[in-house]
All heavy atoms as atom14 arrays in JSON, in Angstrom:
{
  "sequence": "QQVSILGVGGFHLGSAKDQQTVNAMVGKAVDAGVNFFDNAWEYHEG",
  "atom14_mask": [
    [1, 1, 1, 1, 1, 1, 1, 1, 1, 0, 0, 0, 0, 0],
    [1, 1, 1, 1, 1, 1, 1, 1, 1, 0, 0, 0, 0, 0],
    [1, 1, 1, 1, 1, 1, 1, 0, 0, 0, 0, 0, 0, 0],
    [1, 1, 1, 1, 1, 1, 0, 0, 0, 0, 0, 0, 0, 0],
    [1, 1, 1, 1, 1, 1, 1, 1, 0, 0, 0, 0, 0, 0],
    [1, 1, 1, 1, 1, 1, 1, 1, 0, 0, 0, 0, 0, 0],
    [1, 1, 1, 1, 0, 0, 0, 0, 0, 0, 0, 0, 0, 0],
    [1, 1, 1, 1, 1, 1, 1, 0, 0, 0, 0, 0, 0, 0],
    [1, 1, 1, 1, 0, 0, 0, 0, 0, 0, 0, 0, 0, 0],
    [1, 1, 1, 1, 0, 0, 0, 0, 0, 0, 0, 0, 0, 0],
    [1, 1, 1, 1, 1, 1, 1, 1, 1, 1, 1, 0, 0, 0],
    [1, 1, 1, 1, 1, 1, 1, 1, 1, 1, 0, 0, 0, 0],
    [1, 1, 1, 1, 1, 1, 1, 1, 0, 0, 0, 0, 0, 0],
    [1, 1, 1, 1, 0, 0, 0, 0, 0, 0, 0, 0, 0, 0],
    [1, 1, 1, 1, 1, 1, 0, 0, 0, 0, 0, 0, 0, 0],
    [1, 1, 1, 1, 1, 0, 0, 0, 0, 0, 0, 0, 0, 0],
    [1, 1, 1, 1, 1, 1, 1, 1, 1, 0, 0, 0, 0, 0],
    [1, 1, 1, 1, 1, 1, 1, 1, 0, 0, 0, 0, 0, 0],
    [1, 1, 1, 1, 1, 1, 1, 1, 1, 0, 0, 0, 0, 0],
    [1, 1, 1, 1, 1, 1, 1, 1, 1, 0, 0, 0, 0, 0],
    [1, 1, 1, 1, 1, 1, 1, 0, 0, 0, 0, 0, 0, 0],
    [1, 1, 1, 1, 1, 1, 1, 0, 0, 0, 0, 0, 0, 0],
    [1, 1, 1, 1, 1, 1, 1, 1, 0, 0, 0, 0, 0, 0],
    [1, 1, 1, 1, 1, 0, 0, 0, 0, 0, 0, 0, 0, 0],
    [1, 1, 1, 1, 1, 1, 1, 1, 0, 0, 0, 0, 0, 0],
    [1, 1, 1, 1, 1, 1, 1, 0, 0, 0, 0, 0, 0, 0],
    [1, 1, 1, 1, 0, 0, 0, 0, 0, 0, 0, 0, 0, 0],
    [1, 1, 1, 1, 1, 1, 1, 1, 1, 0, 0, 0, 0, 0],
    [1, 1, 1, 1, 1, 0, 0, 0, 0, 0, 0, 0, 0, 0],
    [1, 1, 1, 1, 1, 1, 1, 0, 0, 0, 0, 0, 0, 0],
    [1, 1, 1, 1, 1, 1, 1, 1, 0, 0, 0, 0, 0, 0],
    [1, 1, 1, 1, 1, 0, 0, 0, 0, 0, 0, 0, 0, 0],
    [1, 1, 1, 1, 0, 0, 0, 0, 0, 0, 0, 0, 0, 0],
    [1, 1, 1, 1, 1, 1, 1, 0, 0, 0, 0, 0, 0, 0],
    [1, 1, 1, 1, 1, 1, 1, 1, 0, 0, 0, 0, 0, 0],
    [1, 1, 1, 1, 1, 1, 1, 1, 1, 1, 1, 0, 0, 0],
    [1, 1, 1, 1, 1, 1, 1, 1, 1, 1, 1, 0, 0, 0],
    [1, 1, 1, 1, 1, 1, 1, 1, 0, 0, 0, 0, 0, 0],
    [1, 1, 1, 1, 1, 1, 1, 1, 0, 0, 0, 0, 0, 0],
    [1, 1, 1, 1, 1, 0, 0, 0, 0, 0, 0, 0, 0, 0],
    [1, 1, 1, 1, 1, 1, 1, 1, 1, 1, 1, 1, 1, 1],
    [1, 1, 1, 1, 1, 1, 1, 1, 1, 0, 0, 0, 0, 0],
    [1, 1, 1, 1, 1, 1, 1, 1, 1, 1, 1, 1, 0, 0],
    [1, 1, 1, 1, 1, 1, 1, 1, 1, 1, 0, 0, 0, 0],
    [1, 1, 1, 1, 1, 1, 1, 1, 1, 0, 0, 0, 0, 0],
    [1, 1, 1, 1, 0, 0, 0, 0, 0, 0, 0, 0, 0, 0]
  ],
  "atom14_positions": [
    [[14.58, -0.73, 4.96], [13.25, -1.27, 4.69], [12.43, -0.28, 3.87], [12.72, 0.91, 3.81], [12.53, -1.56, 6.0], [13.23, -2.55, 6.89], [13.31, -3.94, 6.26], [12.31, -4.48, 5.83], [14.51, -4.51, 6.22], [0.0, 0.0, 0.0], [0.0, 0.0, 0.0], [0.0, 0.0, 0.0], [0.0, 0.0, 0.0], [0.0, 0.0, 0.0]],
    [[11.39, -0.8, 3.24], [10.44, 0.02, 2.51], [9.11, 0.04, 3.28], [8.68, -0.99, 3.81], [10.2, -0.54, 1.11], [11.43, -0.5, 0.2], [11.68, 0.89, -0.36], [10.79, 1.53, -0.9], [12.92, 1.36, -0.23], [0.0, 0.0, 0.0], [0.0, 0.0, 0.0], [0.0, 0.0, 0.0], [0.0, 0.0, 0.0], [0.0, 0.0, 0.0]],
    [[8.48, 1.2, 3.33], [7.25, 1.34, 4.08], [6.17, 1.98, 3.2], [6.47, 2.81, 2.35], [7.48, 2.19, 5.36], [7.86, 3.63, 5.01], [6.25, 2.17, 6.26], [0.0, 0.0, 0.0], [0.0, 0.0, 0.0], [0.0, 0.0, 0.0], [0.0, 0.0, 0.0], [0.0, 0.0, 0.0], [0.0, 0.0, 0.0], [0.0, 0.0, 0.0]],
    [[4.95, 1.57, 3.38], [3.83, 2.14, 2.62], [3.64, 3.6, 3.0], [3.83, 3.99, 4.16], [2.54, 1.35, 2.88], [2.27, 1.26, 4.26], [0.0, 0.0, 0.0], [0.0, 0.0, 0.0], [0.0, 0.0, 0.0], [0.0, 0.0, 0.0], [0.0, 0.0, 0.0], [0.0, 0.0, 0.0], [0.0, 0.0, 0.0], [0.0, 0.0, 0.0]],
    [[3.24, 4.43, 2.05], [3.06, 5.86, 2.32], [1.85, 6.11, 3.21], [1.72, 7.2, 3.77], [2.94, 6.67, 1.03], [1.7, 6.28, 0.22], [4.22, 6.52, 0.19], [1.42, 7.19, -0.96], [0.0, 0.0, 0.0], [0.0, 0.0, 0.0], [0.0, 0.0, 0.0], [0.0, 0.0, 0.0], [0.0, 0.0, 0.0], [0.0, 0.0, 0.0]],
    [[0.99, 5.12, 3.37], [-0.15, 5.19, 4.28], [0.05, 4.17, 5.4], [0.34, 3.01, 5.14], [-1.46, 4.9, 3.54], [-2.73, 4.85, 4.39], [-3.08, 6.24, 4.93], [-3.91, 4.3, 3.56], [0.0, 0.0, 0.0], [0.0, 0.0, 0.0], [0.0, 0.0, 0.0], [0.0, 0.0, 0.0], [0.0, 0.0, 0.0], [0.0, 0.0, 0.0]],
    [[-0.09, 4.64, 6.65], [-0.05, 3.74, 7.8], [-1.38, 3.73, 8.51], [-2.16, 4.69, 8.42], [0.0, 0.0, 0.0], [0.0, 0.0, 0.0], [0.0, 0.0, 0.0], [0.0, 0.0, 0.0], [0.0, 0.0, 0.0], [0.0, 0.0, 0.0], [0.0, 0.0, 0.0], [0.0, 0.0, 0.0], [0.0, 0.0, 0.0], [0.0, 0.0, 0.0]],
    [[-1.67, 2.65, 9.22], [-2.95, 2.48, 9.91], [-2.8, 2.84, 11.38], [-1.98, 2.25, 12.09], [-3.47, 1.04, 9.76], [-4.76, 0.84, 10.56], [-3.69, 0.69, 8.29], [0.0, 0.0, 0.0], [0.0, 0.0, 0.0], [0.0, 0.0, 0.0], [0.0, 0.0, 0.0], [0.0, 0.0, 0.0], [0.0, 0.0, 0.0], [0.0, 0.0, 0.0]],
    [[-3.58, 3.8, 11.85], [-3.53, 4.24, 13.24], [-4.18, 3.24, 14.18], [-5.27, 2.74, 13.93], [0.0, 0.0, 0.0], [0.0, 0.0, 0.0], [0.0, 0.0, 0.0], [0.0, 0.0, 0.0], [0.0, 0.0, 0.0], [0.0, 0.0, 0.0], [0.0, 0.0, 0.0], [0.0, 0.0, 0.0], [0.0, 0.0, 0.0], [0.0, 0.0, 0.0]],
    [[-3.51, 2.96, 15.28], [-3.98, 1.92, 16.2], [-5.13, 2.33, 17.08], [-5.98, 1.49, 17.4], [0.0, 0.0, 0.0], [0.0, 0.0, 0.0], [0.0, 0.0, 0.0], [0.0, 0.0, 0.0], [0.0, 0.0, 0.0], [0.0, 0.0, 0.0], [0.0, 0.0, 0.0], [0.0, 0.0, 0.0], [0.0, 0.0, 0.0], [0.0, 0.0, 0.0]],
    [[-5.21, 3.6, 17.5], [-6.29, 3.99, 18.38], [-7.64, 3.78, 17.71], [-8.59, 3.29, 18.33], [-6.16, 5.46, 18.82], [-7.29, 5.9, 19.7], [-7.29, 5.59, 21.05], [-8.38, 6.58, 19.18], [-8.35, 5.96, 21.87], [-9.45, 6.95, 19.99], [-9.43, 6.64, 21.35], [0.0, 0.0, 0.0], [0.0, 0.0, 0.0], [0.0, 0.0, 0.0]],
    [[-7.73, 4.1, 16.45], [-9.02, 4.01, 15.76], [-9.41, 2.57, 15.46], [-10.6, 2.26, 15.36], [-9.0, 4.87, 14.51], [-8.88, 6.34, 14.84], [-7.67, 6.93, 15.07], [-9.83, 7.29, 15.02], [-7.87, 8.21, 15.37], [-9.16, 8.45, 15.35], [0.0, 0.0, 0.0], [0.0, 0.0, 0.0], [0.0, 0.0, 0.0], [0.0, 0.0, 0.0]],
    [[-8.43, 1.68, 15.31], [-8.78, 0.26, 15.21], [-9.47, -0.19, 16.5], [-10.4, -0.99, 16.47], [-7.54, -0.59, 14.95], [-6.97, -0.59, 13.54], [-5.74, -1.49, 13.48], [-7.99, -1.01, 12.5], [0.0, 0.0, 0.0], [0.0, 0.0, 0.0], [0.0, 0.0, 0.0], [0.0, 0.0, 0.0], [0.0, 0.0, 0.0], [0.0, 0.0, 0.0]],
    [[-9.01, 0.36, 17.62], [-9.66, 0.04, 18.88], [-11.04, 0.64, 19.01], [-11.83, 0.21, 19.86], [0.0, 0.0, 0.0], [0.0, 0.0, 0.0], [0.0, 0.0, 0.0], [0.0, 0.0, 0.0], [0.0, 0.0, 0.0], [0.0, 0.0, 0.0], [0.0, 0.0, 0.0], [0.0, 0.0, 0.0], [0.0, 0.0, 0.0], [0.0, 0.0, 0.0]],
    [[-11.36, 1.63, 18.18], [-12.68, 2.26, 18.18], [-13.64, 1.61, 17.19], [-14.82, 1.97, 17.15], [-12.55, 3.75, 17.83], [-11.71, 4.43, 18.72], [0.0, 0.0, 0.0], [0.0, 0.0, 0.0], [0.0, 0.0, 0.0], [0.0, 0.0, 0.0], [0.0, 0.0, 0.0], [0.0, 0.0, 0.0], [0.0, 0.0, 0.0], [0.0, 0.0, 0.0]],
    [[-13.12, 0.69, 16.36], [-13.97, 0.05, 15.35], [-15.07, -0.78, 16.01], [-15.01, -1.12, 17.19], [-13.12, -0.83, 14.44], [0.0, 0.0, 0.0], [0.0, 0.0, 0.0], [0.0, 0.0, 0.0], [0.0, 0.0, 0.0], [0.0, 0.0, 0.0], [0.0, 0.0, 0.0], [0.0, 0.0, 0.0], [0.0, 0.0, 0.0], [0.0, 0.0, 0.0]],
    [[-16.06, -1.12, 15.23], [-17.26, -1.78, 15.72], [-16.98, -3.04, 16.52], [-17.52, -3.26, 17.61], [-18.2, -2.08, 14.55], [-19.49, -2.77, 14.92], [-20.31, -3.04, 13.67], [-21.59, -3.81, 14.0], [-22.38, -4.12, 12.77], [0.0, 0.0, 0.0], [0.0, 0.0, 0.0], [0.0, 0.0, 0.0], [0.0, 0.0, 0.0], [0.0, 0.0, 0.0]],
    [[-16.14, -3.92, 15.97], [-15.87, -5.19, 16.63], [-14.62, -5.82, 16.03], [-14.02, -5.28, 15.1], [-17.07, -6.14, 16.5], [-17.57, -6.29, 15.07], [-16.75, -6.2, 14.11], [-18.79, -6.46, 14.87], [0.0, 0.0, 0.0], [0.0, 0.0, 0.0], [0.0, 0.0, 0.0], [0.0, 0.0, 0.0], [0.0, 0.0, 0.0], [0.0, 0.0, 0.0]],
    [[-14.22, -6.97, 16.57], [-13.02, -7.65, 16.1], [-13.15, -8.07, 14.64], [-12.18, -8.01, 13.88], [-12.72, -8.87, 16.97], [-11.43, -9.6, 16.61], [-10.19, -8.76, 16.88], [-10.0, -8.26, 17.98], [-9.33, -8.6, 15.88], [0.0, 0.0, 0.0], [0.0, 0.0, 0.0], [0.0, 0.0, 0.0], [0.0, 0.0, 0.0], [0.0, 0.0, 0.0]],
    [[-14.31, -8.47, 14.24], [-14.52, -8.88, 12.85], [-14.23, -7.73, 11.9], [-13.62, -7.91, 10.84], [-15.95, -9.38, 12.66], [-16.24, -9.91, 11.26], [-17.65, -10.47, 11.13], [-18.41, -10.49, 12.1], [-18.0, -10.92, 9.94], [0.0, 0.0, 0.0], [0.0, 0.0, 0.0], [0.0, 0.0, 0.0], [0.0, 0.0, 0.0], [0.0, 0.0, 0.0]],
    [[-14.66, -6.53, 12.29], [-14.38, -5.35, 11.47], [-12.89, -5.08, 11.39], [-12.35, -4.77, 10.32], [-15.11, -4.12, 12.04], [-16.52, -4.37, 12.06], [-14.84, -2.88, 11.2], [0.0, 0.0, 0.0], [0.0, 0.0, 0.0], [0.0, 0.0, 0.0], [0.0, 0.0, 0.0], [0.0, 0.0, 0.0], [0.0, 0.0, 0.0], [0.0, 0.0, 0.0]],
    [[-12.21, -5.18, 12.52], [-10.76, -4.97, 12.56], [-10.06, -6.0, 11.67], [-9.16, -5.65, 10.9], [-10.24, -5.03, 14.0], [-8.71, -4.97, 14.02], [-10.82, -3.9, 14.83], [0.0, 0.0, 0.0], [0.0, 0.0, 0.0], [0.0, 0.0, 0.0], [0.0, 0.0, 0.0], [0.0, 0.0, 0.0], [0.0, 0.0, 0.0], [0.0, 0.0, 0.0]],
    [[-10.45, -7.25, 11.77], [-9.85, -8.29, 10.94], [-9.99, -7.97, 9.45], [-9.04, -8.11, 8.68], [-10.49, -9.64, 11.23], [-10.2, -10.17, 12.62], [-9.33, -9.65, 13.32], [-10.93, -11.19, 13.03], [0.0, 0.0, 0.0], [0.0, 0.0, 0.0], [0.0, 0.0, 0.0], [0.0, 0.0, 0.0], [0.0, 0.0, 0.0], [0.0, 0.0, 0.0]],
    [[-11.2, -7.54, 9.07], [-11.46, -7.22, 7.67], [-10.64, -6.03, 7.22], [-10.07, -6.02, 6.11], [-12.95, -6.95, 7.46], [0.0, 0.0, 0.0], [0.0, 0.0, 0.0], [0.0, 0.0, 0.0], [0.0, 0.0, 0.0], [0.0, 0.0, 0.0], [0.0, 0.0, 0.0], [0.0, 0.0, 0.0], [0.0, 0.0, 0.0], [0.0, 0.0, 0.0]],
    [[-10.55, -5.01, 8.07], [-9.79, -3.82, 7.71], [-8.3, -4.11, 7.57], [-7.65, -3.68, 6.6], [-10.01, -2.73, 8.76], [-11.4, -2.13, 8.78], [-11.62, -0.94, 10.13], [-10.42, 0.33, 9.65], [0.0, 0.0, 0.0], [0.0, 0.0, 0.0], [0.0, 0.0, 0.0], [0.0, 0.0, 0.0], [0.0, 0.0, 0.0], [0.0, 0.0, 0.0]],
    [[-7.75, -4.84, 8.52], [-6.32, -5.17, 8.47], [-6.02, -6.03, 7.24], [-5.04, -5.79, 6.52], [-5.88, -5.87, 9.76], [-4.47, -6.44, 9.62], [-5.94, -4.89, 10.94], [0.0, 0.0, 0.0], [0.0, 0.0, 0.0], [0.0, 0.0, 0.0], [0.0, 0.0, 0.0], [0.0, 0.0, 0.0], [0.0, 0.0, 0.0], [0.0, 0.0, 0.0]],
    [[-6.85, -7.02, 6.97], [-6.65, -7.86, 5.8], [-6.71, -7.07, 4.5], [-5.87, -7.24, 3.61], [0.0, 0.0, 0.0], [0.0, 0.0, 0.0], [0.0, 0.0, 0.0], [0.0, 0.0, 0.0], [0.0, 0.0, 0.0], [0.0, 0.0, 0.0], [0.0, 0.0, 0.0], [0.0, 0.0, 0.0], [0.0, 0.0, 0.0], [0.0, 0.0, 0.0]],
    [[-7.69, -6.17, 4.4], [-7.82, -5.36, 3.2], [-6.63, -4.42, 3.04], [-6.11, -4.23, 1.92], [-9.12, -4.56, 3.25], [-9.36, -3.68, 2.03], [-10.68, -2.92, 2.13], [-11.87, -3.81, 1.91], [-13.15, -3.04, 1.79], [0.0, 0.0, 0.0], [0.0, 0.0, 0.0], [0.0, 0.0, 0.0], [0.0, 0.0, 0.0], [0.0, 0.0, 0.0]],
    [[-6.18, -3.82, 4.13], [-5.05, -2.9, 4.07], [-3.79, -3.63, 3.62], [-3.05, -3.13, 2.74], [-4.83, -2.24, 5.43], [0.0, 0.0, 0.0], [0.0, 0.0, 0.0], [0.0, 0.0, 0.0], [0.0, 0.0, 0.0], [0.0, 0.0, 0.0], [0.0, 0.0, 0.0], [0.0, 0.0, 0.0], [0.0, 0.0, 0.0], [0.0, 0.0, 0.0]],
    [[-3.51, -4.78, 4.21], [-2.32, -5.54, 3.83], [-2.38, -5.96, 2.37], [-1.39, -5.85, 1.63], [-2.14, -6.77, 4.76], [-1.03, -7.68, 4.24], [-1.84, -6.32, 6.19], [0.0, 0.0, 0.0], [0.0, 0.0, 0.0], [0.0, 0.0, 0.0], [0.0, 0.0, 0.0], [0.0, 0.0, 0.0], [0.0, 0.0, 0.0], [0.0, 0.0, 0.0]],
    [[-3.54, -6.41, 1.93], [-3.7, -6.82, 0.53], [-3.46, -5.65, -0.43], [-3.02, -5.85, -1.57], [-5.1, -7.39, 0.29], [-5.29, -8.76, 0.92], [-4.28, -9.39, 1.31], [-6.46, -9.2, 1.05], [0.0, 0.0, 0.0], [0.0, 0.0, 0.0], [0.0, 0.0, 0.0], [0.0, 0.0, 0.0], [0.0, 0.0, 0.0], [0.0, 0.0, 0.0]],
    [[-3.75, -4.43, 0.02], [-3.57, -3.24, -0.81], [-2.14, -2.71, -0.77], [-1.82, -1.73, -1.45], [-4.54, -2.14, -0.38], [0.0, 0.0, 0.0], [0.0, 0.0, 0.0], [0.0, 0.0, 0.0], [0.0, 0.0, 0.0], [0.0, 0.0, 0.0], [0.0, 0.0, 0.0], [0.0, 0.0, 0.0], [0.0, 0.0, 0.0], [0.0, 0.0, 0.0]],
    [[-1.28, -3.33, 0.04], [0.11, -2.92, 0.09], [0.49, -2.11, 1.31], [1.66, -1.72, 1.46], [0.0, 0.0, 0.0], [0.0, 0.0, 0.0], [0.0, 0.0, 0.0], [0.0, 0.0, 0.0], [0.0, 0.0, 0.0], [0.0, 0.0, 0.0], [0.0, 0.0, 0.0], [0.0, 0.0, 0.0], [0.0, 0.0, 0.0], [0.0, 0.0, 0.0]],
    [[-0.45, -1.88, 2.21], [-0.13, -1.16, 3.45], [0.65, -2.09, 4.37], [0.21, -3.21, 4.64], [-1.42, -0.67, 4.15], [-1.09, -0.08, 5.52], [-2.14, 0.36, 3.28], [0.0, 0.0, 0.0], [0.0, 0.0, 0.0], [0.0, 0.0, 0.0], [0.0, 0.0, 0.0], [0.0, 0.0, 0.0], [0.0, 0.0, 0.0], [0.0, 0.0, 0.0]],
    [[1.78, -1.62, 4.86], [2.59, -2.49, 5.73], [3.03, -1.81, 7.03], [3.89, -2.33, 7.73], [3.8, -3.03, 4.98], [4.89, -1.98, 4.76], [4.61, -0.77, 4.77], [6.13, -2.42, 4.54], [0.0, 0.0, 0.0], [0.0, 0.0, 0.0], [0.0, 0.0, 0.0], [0.0, 0.0, 0.0], [0.0, 0.0, 0.0], [0.0, 0.0, 0.0]],
    [[2.41, -0.66, 7.37], [2.76, -0.01, 8.64], [1.54, 0.06, 9.53], [0.5, 0.62, 9.15], [3.31, 1.4, 8.41], [3.9, 1.99, 9.68], [5.23, 1.8, 9.98], [3.11, 2.7, 10.57], [5.78, 2.31, 11.16], [3.65, 3.22, 11.74], [4.98, 3.02, 12.03], [0.0, 0.0, 0.0], [0.0, 0.0, 0.0], [0.0, 0.0, 0.0]],
    [[1.69, -0.47, 10.76], [0.59, -0.49, 11.72], [1.07, 0.11, 13.04], [2.03, -0.34, 13.64], [0.07, -1.91, 11.92], [-0.73, -2.4, 10.75], [-0.08, -2.95, 9.65], [-2.1, -2.28, 10.72], [-0.8, -3.38, 8.54], [-2.83, -2.71, 9.62], [-2.19, -3.26, 8.53], [0.0, 0.0, 0.0], [0.0, 0.0, 0.0], [0.0, 0.0, 0.0]],
    [[0.35, 1.13, 13.47], [0.64, 1.9, 14.67], [-0.2, 1.38, 15.84], [-1.28, 0.84, 15.65], [0.28, 3.37, 14.36], [-0.03, 4.2, 15.58], [-1.18, 4.15, 16.08], [0.85, 4.95, 16.02], [0.0, 0.0, 0.0], [0.0, 0.0, 0.0], [0.0, 0.0, 0.0], [0.0, 0.0, 0.0], [0.0, 0.0, 0.0], [0.0, 0.0, 0.0]],
    [[0.31, 1.57, 17.06], [-0.47, 1.27, 18.25], [0.21, 1.92, 19.45], [1.25, 2.59, 19.31], [-0.64, -0.23, 18.46], [-2.06, -0.59, 18.86], [-2.54, -0.19, 19.92], [-2.75, -1.33, 18.0], [0.0, 0.0, 0.0], [0.0, 0.0, 0.0], [0.0, 0.0, 0.0], [0.0, 0.0, 0.0], [0.0, 0.0, 0.0], [0.0, 0.0, 0.0]],
    [[-0.36, 1.72, 20.64], [0.26, 2.19, 21.88], [-0.25, 1.36, 23.04], [-1.4, 0.89, 23.04], [-0.05, 3.67, 22.13], [0.0, 0.0, 0.0], [0.0, 0.0, 0.0], [0.0, 0.0, 0.0], [0.0, 0.0, 0.0], [0.0, 0.0, 0.0], [0.0, 0.0, 0.0], [0.0, 0.0, 0.0], [0.0, 0.0, 0.0], [0.0, 0.0, 0.0]],
    [[0.6, 1.18, 24.03], [0.27, 0.35, 25.2], [-1.03, 0.79, 25.87], [-1.79, -0.05, 26.35], [1.43, 0.44, 26.18], [1.19, -0.24, 27.5], [1.41, -1.56, 27.79], [0.68, 0.36, 28.69], [1.07, -1.82, 29.1], [0.62, -0.65, 29.68], [0.28, 1.65, 29.03], [0.16, -0.41, 30.97], [-0.18, 1.9, 30.32], [-0.23, 0.88, 31.28]],
    [[-1.32, 2.09, 25.89], [-2.47, 2.57, 26.65], [-3.75, 2.73, 25.84], [-4.8, 3.02, 26.41], [-2.13, 3.91, 27.31], [-1.89, 5.06, 26.36], [-1.43, 6.31, 27.09], [-0.69, 6.19, 28.09], [-1.81, 7.41, 26.67], [0.0, 0.0, 0.0], [0.0, 0.0, 0.0], [0.0, 0.0, 0.0], [0.0, 0.0, 0.0], [0.0, 0.0, 0.0]],
    [[-3.71, 2.55, 24.53], [-4.92, 2.74, 23.73], [-6.01, 1.77, 24.16], [-5.84, 0.55, 24.13], [-4.63, 2.53, 22.24], [-3.85, 3.64, 21.57], [-3.27, 3.43, 20.33], [-3.69, 4.9, 22.15], [-2.56, 4.42, 19.67], [-2.99, 5.9, 21.51], [-2.42, 5.66, 20.27], [-1.71, 6.64, 19.63], [0.0, 0.0, 0.0], [0.0, 0.0, 0.0]],
    [[-7.15, 2.34, 24.56], [-8.3, 1.55, 24.99], [-7.92, 0.52, 26.05], [-8.39, -0.61, 26.05], [-8.97, 0.86, 23.79], [-9.51, 1.82, 22.77], [-10.74, 2.44, 22.91], [-8.98, 2.3, 21.62], [-10.93, 3.24, 21.87], [-9.87, 3.18, 21.08], [0.0, 0.0, 0.0], [0.0, 0.0, 0.0], [0.0, 0.0, 0.0], [0.0, 0.0, 0.0]],
    [[-7.03, 0.95, 26.94], [-6.58, 0.11, 28.06], [-6.07, -1.26, 27.58], [-6.3, -2.28, 28.22], [-7.7, -0.05, 29.08], [-8.12, 1.29, 29.69], [-9.21, 1.15, 30.74], [-9.92, 0.13, 30.71], [-9.33, 2.06, 31.57], [0.0, 0.0, 0.0], [0.0, 0.0, 0.0], [0.0, 0.0, 0.0], [0.0, 0.0, 0.0], [0.0, 0.0, 0.0]],
    [[-5.38, -1.24, 26.46], [-4.77, -2.46, 25.93], [-5.58, -3.18, 24.87], [-5.04, -4.03, 24.15], [0.0, 0.0, 0.0], [0.0, 0.0, 0.0], [0.0, 0.0, 0.0], [0.0, 0.0, 0.0], [0.0, 0.0, 0.0], [0.0, 0.0, 0.0], [0.0, 0.0, 0.0], [0.0, 0.0, 0.0], [0.0, 0.0, 0.0], [0.0, 0.0, 0.0]]
  ]
}
């Protein structure tokens, strides 16, 4: 597989202002060619 040289950290998405902000960020990142998204079971208690 091919992966974007920039990946999006999951903990900080959980720290974003609200779901609308997260939606906008994820959409913008994917449109720009970013295809790696990180997360963890315990970040912000799920």
